[in-house]
Amino acid sequence: MVEEGIRLDAQALGAILNECSHSGLVAEARDLYTNMRSRYGEEPSTIHLNSFVDCLSRAGHLEEAEEAIMKSTDPKPDIITWFALIGASRWHGDEARMKRLVRYILDSKNIQKTQDTLWGSNLSKLTFLRMWAIGTATSPSINS
């Protein structure tokens, strides 16, 4: 598309990153996300970060996904970013990472809050995960 003179804006780049995530195209997502500014003149948003982290996480690149979140100051990760990694940690059987991340995000002041309703709907999941992480709940059922 770029070769044909079609300019990819932030919305198009977000859609492509999302498709990479759902298609397992990790290398393509990594290239696109890391070159958004230089190649396309677009600043990555939290939505782009979420799709990139989701892509890495789904493919089992949990360490790289966590590193991308921890290094990201602009855009800041939000609760959706963290849930992409926590959910994938559960899927890939990395319970230790899941517990550590839950504790971190519950104590963190660096999480960008999304819309209040979205934050509120995820707060019950976070509360359950906190109980699970400290051993007062038995099953990390975060997909309900």
N, C-alpha and C. Protein backbone atom coordinates (compact mmCIF):
# COMPACT_ATOMS: atom_id res chain seq x y z
N MET A 1 0.82 -1.20 0.00
CA MET A 1 0.00 0.00 0.00
C MET A 1 0.86 1.26 0.00
N VAL A 2 1.91 1.25 0.81
CA VAL A 2 2.79 2.41 0.86
C VAL A 2 3.46 2.63 -0.49
N GLU A 3 3.88 1.52 -1.13
CA GLU A 3 4.52 1.62 -2.44
C GLU A 3 3.58 2.23 -3.48
N GLU A 4 2.29 2.05 -3.28
CA GLU A 4 1.30 2.58 -4.21
C GLU A 4 0.89 4.01 -3.88
N GLY A 5 1.55 4.59 -2.87
CA GLY A 5 1.27 5.98 -2.52
C GLY A 5 0.14 6.16 -1.53
N ILE A 6 -0.33 5.09 -0.95
CA ILE A 6 -1.41 5.18 0.03
C ILE A 6 -0.80 5.48 1.39
N ARG A 7 -1.24 6.57 2.02
CA ARG A 7 -0.72 6.95 3.32
C ARG A 7 -1.48 6.19 4.41
N LEU A 8 -0.72 5.53 5.27
CA LEU A 8 -1.33 4.81 6.39
C LEU A 8 -1.40 5.75 7.59
N ASP A 9 -2.62 6.04 8.05
CA ASP A 9 -2.78 6.90 9.22
C ASP A 9 -2.83 6.05 10.48
N ALA A 10 -3.00 6.69 11.61
CA ALA A 10 -3.01 5.99 12.91
C ALA A 10 -4.08 4.91 12.97
N GLN A 11 -5.25 5.20 12.43
CA GLN A 11 -6.35 4.24 12.46
C GLN A 11 -6.01 3.00 11.61
N ALA A 12 -5.47 3.21 10.43
CA ALA A 12 -5.09 2.08 9.57
C ALA A 12 -3.99 1.26 10.21
N LEU A 13 -3.02 1.92 10.82
CA LEU A 13 -1.92 1.20 11.48
C LEU A 13 -2.45 0.38 12.65
N GLY A 14 -3.42 0.93 13.36
CA GLY A 14 -4.04 0.18 14.46
C GLY A 14 -4.75 -1.06 13.96
N ALA A 15 -5.45 -0.93 12.85
CA ALA A 15 -6.15 -2.08 12.28
C ALA A 15 -5.16 -3.14 11.81
N ILE A 16 -4.06 -2.72 11.24
CA ILE A 16 -3.05 -3.67 10.77
C ILE A 16 -2.40 -4.39 11.96
N LEU A 17 -2.08 -3.64 13.01
CA LEU A 17 -1.51 -4.26 14.21
C LEU A 17 -2.48 -5.27 14.82
N ASN A 18 -3.74 -4.93 14.84
CA ASN A 18 -4.75 -5.84 15.36
C ASN A 18 -4.81 -7.12 14.52
N GLU A 19 -4.76 -6.96 13.23
CA GLU A 19 -4.77 -8.13 12.34
C GLU A 19 -3.52 -8.98 12.52
N CYS A 20 -2.38 -8.32 12.70
CA CYS A 20 -1.14 -9.07 12.98
C CYS A 20 -1.30 -9.90 14.25
N SER A 21 -1.92 -9.31 15.26
CA SER A 21 -2.13 -10.00 16.52
C SER A 21 -2.96 -11.26 16.33
N HIS A 22 -4.04 -11.14 15.57
CA HIS A 22 -4.95 -12.26 15.39
C HIS A 22 -4.47 -13.26 14.34
N SER A 23 -3.41 -12.90 13.62
CA SER A 23 -2.86 -13.80 12.60
C SER A 23 -1.51 -14.38 12.98
N GLY A 24 -1.00 -13.99 14.15
CA GLY A 24 0.29 -14.50 14.59
C GLY A 24 1.49 -13.92 13.86
N LEU A 25 1.34 -12.76 13.29
CA LEU A 25 2.41 -12.13 12.52
C LEU A 25 3.26 -11.24 13.44
N VAL A 26 4.05 -11.88 14.27
CA VAL A 26 4.81 -11.18 15.30
C VAL A 26 5.88 -10.27 14.69
N ALA A 27 6.67 -10.78 13.76
CA ALA A 27 7.75 -9.98 13.17
C ALA A 27 7.18 -8.75 12.47
N GLU A 28 6.07 -8.91 11.77
CA GLU A 28 5.45 -7.80 11.07
C GLU A 28 4.93 -6.76 12.06
N ALA A 29 4.31 -7.23 13.15
CA ALA A 29 3.80 -6.31 14.17
C ALA A 29 4.94 -5.55 14.84
N ARG A 30 6.01 -6.26 15.14
CA ARG A 30 7.18 -5.64 15.77
C ARG A 30 7.76 -4.55 14.86
N ASP A 31 7.91 -4.87 13.59
CA ASP A 31 8.44 -3.91 12.62
C ASP A 31 7.53 -2.69 12.50
N LEU A 32 6.26 -2.93 12.40
CA LEU A 32 5.29 -1.84 12.25
C LEU A 32 5.28 -0.94 13.48
N TYR A 33 5.20 -1.55 14.66
CA TYR A 33 5.10 -0.75 15.89
C TYR A 33 6.38 0.06 16.13
N THR A 34 7.52 -0.57 15.94
CA THR A 34 8.78 0.13 16.23
C THR A 34 9.10 1.20 15.19
N ASN A 35 8.48 1.15 14.03
CA ASN A 35 8.76 2.13 12.98
C ASN A 35 7.60 3.08 12.69
N MET A 36 6.62 3.13 13.56
CA MET A 36 5.46 3.99 13.31
C MET A 36 5.85 5.46 13.14
N ARG A 37 6.72 5.94 14.01
CA ARG A 37 7.13 7.35 13.94
C ARG A 37 7.99 7.62 12.70
N SER A 38 9.03 6.81 12.55
CA SER A 38 10.01 7.10 11.48
C SER A 38 9.47 6.81 10.08
N ARG A 39 8.75 5.73 9.92
CA ARG A 39 8.30 5.32 8.59
C ARG A 39 6.96 5.94 8.20
N TYR A 40 6.06 6.11 9.17
CA TYR A 40 4.71 6.55 8.84
C TYR A 40 4.35 7.92 9.42
N GLY A 41 5.24 8.46 10.26
CA GLY A 41 4.97 9.78 10.83
C GLY A 41 3.83 9.79 11.83
N GLU A 42 3.53 8.65 12.40
CA GLU A 42 2.42 8.55 13.36
C GLU A 42 2.97 8.19 14.74
N GLU A 43 2.44 8.84 15.75
CA GLU A 43 2.80 8.54 17.13
C GLU A 43 1.98 7.34 17.61
N PRO A 44 2.64 6.34 18.17
CA PRO A 44 1.87 5.21 18.71
C PRO A 44 0.97 5.66 19.86
N SER A 45 -0.22 5.15 19.87
CA SER A 45 -1.16 5.44 20.96
C SER A 45 -1.27 4.20 21.85
N THR A 46 -2.03 4.34 22.90
CA THR A 46 -2.26 3.19 23.78
C THR A 46 -2.93 2.06 23.02
N ILE A 47 -3.77 2.37 22.07
CA ILE A 47 -4.43 1.34 21.27
C ILE A 47 -3.40 0.55 20.46
N HIS A 48 -2.41 1.24 19.90
CA HIS A 48 -1.34 0.56 19.17
C HIS A 48 -0.52 -0.32 20.11
N LEU A 49 -0.19 0.22 21.27
CA LEU A 49 0.56 -0.56 22.26
C LEU A 49 -0.22 -1.80 22.66
N ASN A 50 -1.52 -1.65 22.88
CA ASN A 50 -2.36 -2.80 23.26
C ASN A 50 -2.31 -3.90 22.21
N SER A 51 -2.42 -3.52 20.95
CA SER A 51 -2.39 -4.53 19.88
C SER A 51 -1.02 -5.18 19.77
N PHE A 52 0.04 -4.40 19.95
CA PHE A 52 1.39 -4.94 19.87
C PHE A 52 1.63 -5.92 21.02
N VAL A 53 1.26 -5.53 22.23
CA VAL A 53 1.42 -6.41 23.40
C VAL A 53 0.57 -7.66 23.24
N ASP A 54 -0.64 -7.51 22.73
CA ASP A 54 -1.51 -8.65 22.51
C ASP A 54 -0.88 -9.62 21.51
N CYS A 55 -0.29 -9.09 20.45
CA CYS A 55 0.36 -9.93 19.44
C CYS A 55 1.52 -10.72 20.05
N LEU A 56 2.38 -10.03 20.78
CA LEU A 56 3.51 -10.70 21.41
C LEU A 56 3.02 -11.75 22.42
N SER A 57 2.04 -11.37 23.21
CA SER A 57 1.55 -12.25 24.27
C SER A 57 0.89 -13.51 23.71
N ARG A 58 0.05 -13.34 22.72
CA ARG A 58 -0.62 -14.50 22.12
C ARG A 58 0.39 -15.50 21.57
N ALA A 59 1.49 -14.98 21.03
CA ALA A 59 2.50 -15.84 20.43
C ALA A 59 3.47 -16.42 21.46
N GLY A 60 3.25 -16.09 22.72
CA GLY A 60 4.10 -16.65 23.77
C GLY A 60 5.35 -15.85 24.06
N HIS A 61 5.47 -14.67 23.50
CA HIS A 61 6.63 -13.81 23.75
C HIS A 61 6.33 -12.94 24.98
N LEU A 62 6.10 -13.60 26.09
CA LEU A 62 5.65 -12.91 27.31
C LEU A 62 6.70 -11.96 27.85
N GLU A 63 7.94 -12.36 27.83
CA GLU A 63 9.02 -11.49 28.34
C GLU A 63 9.12 -10.23 27.51
N GLU A 64 9.07 -10.37 26.20
CA GLU A 64 9.15 -9.20 25.31
C GLU A 64 7.93 -8.30 25.47
N ALA A 65 6.77 -8.91 25.65
CA ALA A 65 5.55 -8.12 25.86
C ALA A 65 5.64 -7.32 27.15
N GLU A 66 6.10 -7.97 28.20
CA GLU A 66 6.24 -7.27 29.47
C GLU A 66 7.27 -6.14 29.36
N GLU A 67 8.36 -6.41 28.67
CA GLU A 67 9.39 -5.39 28.48
C GLU A 67 8.82 -4.20 27.69
N ALA A 68 8.02 -4.47 26.69
CA ALA A 68 7.41 -3.39 25.90
C ALA A 68 6.52 -2.52 26.78
N ILE A 69 5.79 -3.15 27.69
CA ILE A 69 4.93 -2.39 28.59
C ILE A 69 5.77 -1.56 29.55
N MET A 70 6.75 -2.19 30.16
CA MET A 70 7.56 -1.50 31.17
C MET A 70 8.35 -0.32 30.58
N LYS A 71 8.77 -0.45 29.33
CA LYS A 71 9.53 0.62 28.69
C LYS A 71 8.66 1.73 28.12
N SER A 72 7.37 1.48 28.00
CA SER A 72 6.49 2.43 27.35
C SER A 72 6.07 3.54 28.31
N THR A 73 6.54 4.74 28.02
CA THR A 73 6.12 5.90 28.79
C THR A 73 5.18 6.78 27.98
N ASP A 74 5.30 6.70 26.69
CA ASP A 74 4.41 7.43 25.81
C ASP A 74 4.24 6.59 24.54
N PRO A 75 3.17 5.88 24.43
CA PRO A 75 1.97 5.92 25.26
C PRO A 75 2.12 5.11 26.55
N LYS A 76 1.31 5.50 27.51
CA LYS A 76 1.28 4.74 28.77
C LYS A 76 0.36 3.53 28.61
N PRO A 77 0.73 2.43 29.22
CA PRO A 77 -0.17 1.26 29.19
C PRO A 77 -1.42 1.53 30.02
N ASP A 78 -2.51 0.93 29.61
CA ASP A 78 -3.74 1.02 30.40
C ASP A 78 -4.11 -0.38 30.88
N ILE A 79 -5.25 -0.50 31.47
CA ILE A 79 -5.67 -1.78 32.05
C ILE A 79 -5.82 -2.85 30.96
N ILE A 80 -6.20 -2.45 29.77
CA ILE A 80 -6.34 -3.39 28.66
C ILE A 80 -4.97 -3.95 28.26
N THR A 81 -3.97 -3.09 28.27
CA THR A 81 -2.61 -3.54 27.95
C THR A 81 -2.20 -4.64 28.90
N TRP A 82 -2.41 -4.38 30.19
CA TRP A 82 -2.02 -5.35 31.21
C TRP A 82 -2.83 -6.64 31.11
N PHE A 83 -4.13 -6.52 30.85
CA PHE A 83 -4.96 -7.72 30.75
C PHE A 83 -4.57 -8.59 29.56
N ALA A 84 -4.08 -7.98 28.48
CA ALA A 84 -3.59 -8.77 27.34
C ALA A 84 -2.46 -9.68 27.79
N LEU A 85 -1.54 -9.12 28.57
CA LEU A 85 -0.41 -9.91 29.04
C LEU A 85 -0.80 -10.89 30.14
N ILE A 86 -1.65 -10.47 31.04
CA ILE A 86 -2.09 -11.36 32.12
C ILE A 86 -2.86 -12.55 31.55
N GLY A 87 -3.76 -12.27 30.61
CA GLY A 87 -4.54 -13.35 30.00
C GLY A 87 -3.65 -14.34 29.25
N ALA A 88 -2.67 -13.81 28.54
CA ALA A 88 -1.75 -14.70 27.81
C ALA A 88 -0.87 -15.48 28.78
N SER A 89 -0.49 -14.85 29.89
CA SER A 89 0.29 -15.57 30.90
C SER A 89 -0.50 -16.75 31.43
N ARG A 90 -1.79 -16.52 31.63
CA ARG A 90 -2.67 -17.62 32.07
C ARG A 90 -2.73 -18.70 31.00
N TRP A 91 -2.94 -18.29 29.75
CA TRP A 91 -3.07 -19.22 28.64
C TRP A 91 -1.81 -20.07 28.47
N HIS A 92 -0.65 -19.43 28.64
CA HIS A 92 0.62 -20.13 28.46
C HIS A 92 1.12 -20.79 29.75
N GLY A 93 0.31 -20.74 30.81
CA GLY A 93 0.64 -21.45 32.05
C GLY A 93 1.71 -20.79 32.90
N ASP A 94 1.92 -19.50 32.73
CA ASP A 94 2.93 -18.79 33.51
C ASP A 94 2.28 -18.13 34.73
N GLU A 95 1.94 -18.95 35.71
CA GLU A 95 1.24 -18.47 36.90
C GLU A 95 2.08 -17.49 37.70
N ALA A 96 3.37 -17.71 37.78
CA ALA A 96 4.24 -16.81 38.55
C ALA A 96 4.23 -15.40 37.95
N ARG A 97 4.31 -15.32 36.62
CA ARG A 97 4.25 -14.00 35.97
C ARG A 97 2.90 -13.36 36.23
N MET A 98 1.86 -14.13 36.11
CA MET A 98 0.51 -13.62 36.31
C MET A 98 0.37 -13.01 37.71
N LYS A 99 0.80 -13.74 38.72
CA LYS A 99 0.71 -13.23 40.10
C LYS A 99 1.54 -11.97 40.29
N ARG A 100 2.74 -11.97 39.75
CA ARG A 100 3.61 -10.80 39.88
C ARG A 100 3.00 -9.58 39.20
N LEU A 101 2.44 -9.77 38.01
CA LEU A 101 1.83 -8.66 37.29
C LEU A 101 0.60 -8.12 38.00
N VAL A 102 -0.20 -9.01 38.54
CA VAL A 102 -1.40 -8.57 39.27
C VAL A 102 -0.98 -7.70 40.45
N ARG A 103 -0.01 -8.17 41.20
CA ARG A 103 0.47 -7.37 42.34
C ARG A 103 1.00 -6.02 41.87
N TYR A 104 1.75 -6.02 40.79
CA TYR A 104 2.34 -4.79 40.28
C TYR A 104 1.27 -3.78 39.85
N ILE A 105 0.30 -4.23 39.08
CA ILE A 105 -0.68 -3.26 38.58
C ILE A 105 -1.61 -2.77 39.68
N LEU A 106 -1.87 -3.59 40.68
CA LEU A 106 -2.71 -3.13 41.78
C LEU A 106 -2.00 -2.08 42.62
N ASP A 107 -0.68 -2.12 42.65
CA ASP A 107 0.10 -1.15 43.41
C ASP A 107 0.59 0.01 42.57
N SER A 108 0.39 -0.04 41.27
CA SER A 108 0.99 0.92 40.36
C SER A 108 0.17 2.19 40.22
N LYS A 109 0.87 3.29 40.13
CA LYS A 109 0.25 4.59 39.85
C LYS A 109 0.46 4.96 38.38
N ASN A 110 1.13 4.10 37.63
CA ASN A 110 1.48 4.41 36.25
C ASN A 110 0.50 3.87 35.22
N ILE A 111 -0.59 3.34 35.66
CA ILE A 111 -1.54 2.79 34.71
C ILE A 111 -2.49 3.89 34.28
N GLN A 112 -2.54 4.10 32.99
CA GLN A 112 -3.46 5.07 32.44
C GLN A 112 -4.87 4.49 32.52
N LYS A 113 -5.76 5.21 33.15
CA LYS A 113 -7.13 4.72 33.24
C LYS A 113 -7.85 5.00 31.93
N THR A 114 -8.60 4.01 31.49
CA THR A 114 -9.41 4.19 30.29
C THR A 114 -10.73 4.80 30.74
N GLN A 115 -11.74 4.72 29.95
CA GLN A 115 -13.04 5.25 30.33
C GLN A 115 -13.45 4.65 31.67
N ASP A 116 -14.10 5.46 32.50
CA ASP A 116 -14.48 5.00 33.84
C ASP A 116 -15.27 3.70 33.82
N THR A 117 -16.16 3.54 32.84
CA THR A 117 -16.95 2.32 32.81
C THR A 117 -16.09 1.11 32.50
N LEU A 118 -15.11 1.29 31.63
CA LEU A 118 -14.21 0.20 31.30
C LEU A 118 -13.34 -0.15 32.50
N TRP A 119 -12.82 0.88 33.18
CA TRP A 119 -12.00 0.65 34.37
C TRP A 119 -12.85 -0.06 35.42
N GLY A 120 -14.08 0.40 35.61
CA GLY A 120 -14.96 -0.22 36.61
C GLY A 120 -15.27 -1.66 36.30
N SER A 121 -15.51 -1.98 35.04
CA SER A 121 -15.84 -3.37 34.68
C SER A 121 -14.65 -4.29 34.89
N ASN A 122 -13.46 -3.76 34.77
CA ASN A 122 -12.27 -4.56 34.98
C ASN A 122 -11.82 -4.57 36.43
N LEU A 123 -12.34 -3.65 37.24
CA LEU A 123 -11.95 -3.58 38.64
C LEU A 123 -12.37 -4.85 39.38
N SER A 124 -13.52 -5.42 39.04
CA SER A 124 -13.93 -6.66 39.71
C SER A 124 -12.98 -7.80 39.35
N LYS A 125 -12.49 -7.82 38.12
CA LYS A 125 -11.50 -8.82 37.73
C LYS A 125 -10.21 -8.61 38.51
N LEU A 126 -9.81 -7.35 38.65
CA LEU A 126 -8.59 -7.06 39.40
C LEU A 126 -8.74 -7.44 40.86
N THR A 127 -9.89 -7.20 41.43
CA THR A 127 -10.12 -7.57 42.82
C THR A 127 -10.01 -9.08 42.99
N PHE A 128 -10.64 -9.82 42.10
CA PHE A 128 -10.54 -11.28 42.17
C PHE A 128 -9.09 -11.73 41.99
N LEU A 129 -8.40 -11.14 41.01
CA LEU A 129 -7.01 -11.52 40.78
C LEU A 129 -6.14 -11.21 41.99
N ARG A 130 -6.42 -10.10 42.65
CA ARG A 130 -5.65 -9.77 43.86
C ARG A 130 -5.87 -10.84 44.92
N MET A 131 -7.13 -11.23 45.11
CA MET A 131 -7.44 -12.28 46.09
C MET A 131 -6.72 -13.58 45.72
N TRP A 132 -6.72 -13.88 44.43
CA TRP A 132 -6.05 -15.10 43.96
C TRP A 132 -4.54 -15.00 44.19
N ALA A 133 -3.96 -13.83 43.90
CA ALA A 133 -2.52 -13.66 44.03
C ALA A 133 -2.04 -13.78 45.48
N ILE A 134 -2.89 -13.39 46.43
CA ILE A 134 -2.48 -13.50 47.83
C ILE A 134 -2.97 -14.81 48.47
N GLY A 135 -3.66 -15.63 47.67
CA GLY A 135 -4.02 -16.96 48.14
C GLY A 135 -5.37 -17.09 48.79
N THR A 136 -6.25 -16.10 48.64
CA THR A 136 -7.59 -16.20 49.25
C THR A 136 -8.66 -16.61 48.24
N ALA A 137 -8.28 -16.83 46.99
CA ALA A 137 -9.19 -17.35 45.98
C ALA A 137 -8.47 -18.50 45.30
N THR A 138 -9.22 -19.41 44.71
CA THR A 138 -8.61 -20.63 44.23
C THR A 138 -8.35 -20.71 42.74
N SER A 139 -9.11 -20.03 41.92
CA SER A 139 -8.94 -20.19 40.48
C SER A 139 -8.89 -18.84 39.78
N PRO A 140 -7.88 -18.61 38.93
CA PRO A 140 -7.78 -17.33 38.24
C PRO A 140 -8.74 -17.25 37.06
N SER A 141 -10.01 -17.15 37.32
CA SER A 141 -11.02 -17.11 36.27
C SER A 141 -11.23 -15.67 35.83
N ILE A 142 -10.38 -15.19 34.94
CA ILE A 142 -10.45 -13.79 34.55
C ILE A 142 -11.20 -13.54 33.26
N ASN A 143 -11.69 -14.57 32.62
CA ASN A 143 -12.37 -14.38 31.35
C ASN A 143 -13.87 -14.27 31.46
N SER A 144 -14.38 -14.22 32.66
CA SER A 144 -15.83 -14.15 32.81
C SER A 144 -16.33 -12.74 32.73
